[in-house]
């Protein structure tokens, strides 16, 4: 299973980690008019 978020959403990261997701990839991008770092999280089902 894969989830996506941005680096500024610290609360989301904590939830993902608490449920066994691991950071798979970080990529700089422009989203909603802001420079962010997109993060993909993965967990095996």
Protein backbone atom coordinates (compact mmCIF):
# COMPACT_ATOMS: atom_id res chain seq x y z
CA UNK A 1 0.00 0.00 0.00
CA UNK A 2 1.31 3.45 -0.86
CA UNK A 3 0.42 6.84 0.62
CA UNK A 4 1.55 10.31 -0.44
CA UNK A 5 1.95 13.48 1.63
CA UNK A 6 4.19 16.53 1.85
CA UNK A 7 7.00 17.18 4.31
CA UNK A 8 5.15 19.91 6.20
CA UNK A 9 2.38 17.53 7.31
CA UNK A 10 4.17 16.27 10.41
CA UNK A 11 1.03 14.82 11.99
CA UNK A 12 0.40 12.65 8.91
CA UNK A 13 3.96 11.34 9.07
CA UNK A 14 3.50 10.33 12.70
CA UNK A 15 0.28 8.48 11.89
CA UNK A 16 1.87 6.67 8.93
CA UNK A 17 4.89 5.61 10.98
CA UNK A 18 2.68 4.46 13.87
CA UNK A 19 0.83 2.18 11.45
CA UNK A 20 3.94 0.56 10.01
CA UNK A 21 4.56 2.67 6.90
CA UNK A 22 8.14 3.40 5.87
CA UNK A 23 9.35 6.35 3.83
CA UNK A 24 10.05 5.10 0.30
CA UNK A 25 10.82 8.29 -1.65
CA UNK A 26 11.11 12.06 -1.26
CA UNK A 27 10.85 14.37 -4.27
CA UNK A 28 10.88 18.19 -4.43
CA UNK A 29 7.88 19.57 -6.33
CA UNK A 30 5.54 22.51 -6.63
CA UNK A 31 2.06 21.82 -5.27
CA UNK A 32 -0.82 24.23 -4.62
CA UNK A 33 1.48 27.16 -5.41
CA UNK A 34 4.19 26.16 -2.91
CA UNK A 35 7.55 24.41 -3.13
CA UNK A 36 7.23 21.23 -1.08
CA UNK A 37 8.87 17.84 -0.72
CA UNK A 38 6.46 15.10 -1.72
CA UNK A 39 6.83 11.91 0.28
CA UNK A 40 5.70 8.42 -0.65
CA UNK A 41 5.15 5.99 2.19
CA UNK A 42 4.84 2.22 1.74
CA UNK A 43 3.67 -0.73 3.76
CA UNK A 44 3.24 -4.36 2.75
CA UNK A 45 -0.26 -5.76 3.07
